[in-house]
Protein backbone atom coordinates (compact mmCIF):
# COMPACT_ATOMS: atom_id res chain seq x y z
CA HIS A 1 15.75 71.40 -26.10
CA ALA A 2 14.36 70.85 -29.58
CA ALA A 3 14.31 67.05 -29.35
CA ALA A 4 12.74 67.08 -25.89
CA ASN A 5 10.11 69.60 -26.94
CA SER A 6 9.27 67.58 -30.05
CA PHE A 7 8.83 64.48 -27.89
CA LEU A 8 6.50 66.31 -25.50
CA ASP A 9 4.44 67.66 -28.41
CA SER A 10 4.07 64.12 -29.78
CA LEU A 11 3.30 62.66 -26.36
CA ALA A 12 0.51 65.18 -25.76
CA ALA A 13 -0.98 64.45 -29.20
CA HIS A 14 -0.77 60.69 -28.59
CA ARG A 15 -2.46 60.98 -25.20
CA ARG A 16 -5.25 63.10 -26.69
CA ALA A 17 -5.75 60.52 -29.44
CA LEU A 18 -6.25 57.90 -26.71
CA GLY A 19 -8.83 60.09 -24.98
CA LEU A 20 -6.42 61.00 -22.18
CA PRO A 21 -5.44 64.49 -21.04
CA GLY A 22 -2.39 65.98 -22.68
CA LEU A 23 -1.11 69.48 -23.35
CA SER A 24 2.26 70.68 -24.61
CA ILE A 25 2.79 74.44 -24.55
CA ASN A 26 5.50 75.98 -26.70
CA TRP A 27 6.28 78.88 -24.41
CA GLY A 28 8.08 81.96 -25.60
CA ALA A 29 10.29 84.13 -23.44
CA TRP A 30 8.99 85.23 -20.05
CA SER A 31 10.12 88.54 -18.57
CA GLY A 32 11.79 88.58 -15.18
CA ILE A 33 12.24 84.80 -14.87
CA GLY A 34 13.94 81.96 -16.73
CA SER A 35 16.82 81.89 -19.16
CA ALA A 36 15.53 84.86 -21.19
CA ALA A 37 15.19 87.16 -18.15
CA GLY A 38 18.50 88.97 -18.64
CA ALA A 39 18.43 92.56 -19.86
CA GLU A 40 20.70 91.78 -22.81
CA ILE A 41 18.45 88.97 -24.03
CA GLY A 42 15.38 91.17 -23.63
CA ARG A 43 17.05 93.90 -25.69
CA HIS A 44 18.02 91.37 -28.36
CA LEU A 45 14.43 90.08 -28.57
CA ARG A 46 13.01 93.60 -28.88
CA LEU A 47 15.47 94.39 -31.70
CA LYS A 48 14.00 91.41 -33.55
CA GLY A 49 10.45 92.65 -32.93
CA LEU A 50 9.68 90.11 -30.22
CA GLU A 51 8.28 90.79 -26.77
CA SER A 52 8.48 88.61 -23.69
CA MET A 53 5.39 87.86 -21.65
CA THR A 54 5.02 88.74 -18.02
CA PRO A 55 4.48 85.95 -15.51
CA ALA A 56 0.87 87.16 -15.09
CA GLU A 57 0.32 86.92 -18.86
CA GLY A 58 1.86 83.43 -18.88
CA ILE A 59 -0.41 82.23 -16.07
CA ALA A 60 -3.45 83.71 -17.84
CA ALA A 61 -2.43 81.94 -21.07
CA PHE A 62 -1.97 78.66 -19.18
CA ASP A 63 -5.40 79.01 -17.59
CA TYR A 64 -6.94 79.65 -21.01
CA LEU A 65 -5.12 76.71 -22.64
CA LEU A 66 -6.35 74.27 -20.00
CA ASP A 67 -9.89 74.79 -21.34
CA THR A 68 -8.98 74.31 -25.04
CA GLU A 69 -8.97 71.25 -27.26
CA PRO A 70 -5.58 71.35 -29.03
CA ALA A 71 -2.84 69.13 -27.60
CA GLN A 72 -0.20 71.68 -28.61
């Protein structure tokens, strides 16, 4: 995942530099969906002081990010 994510970050920055749309979001864990949805993973994250976001919080963040300038 790291190499693919790095490529997408660079691609979004390159597109923005050309005046084209581009956005790469480095999502954290979402609760209830995805690979981090399991109870054991959620417990492990909380023990490390991390919280997962709800799908509603993720959609709200996405909506906010669409109106911002940074490519990443």
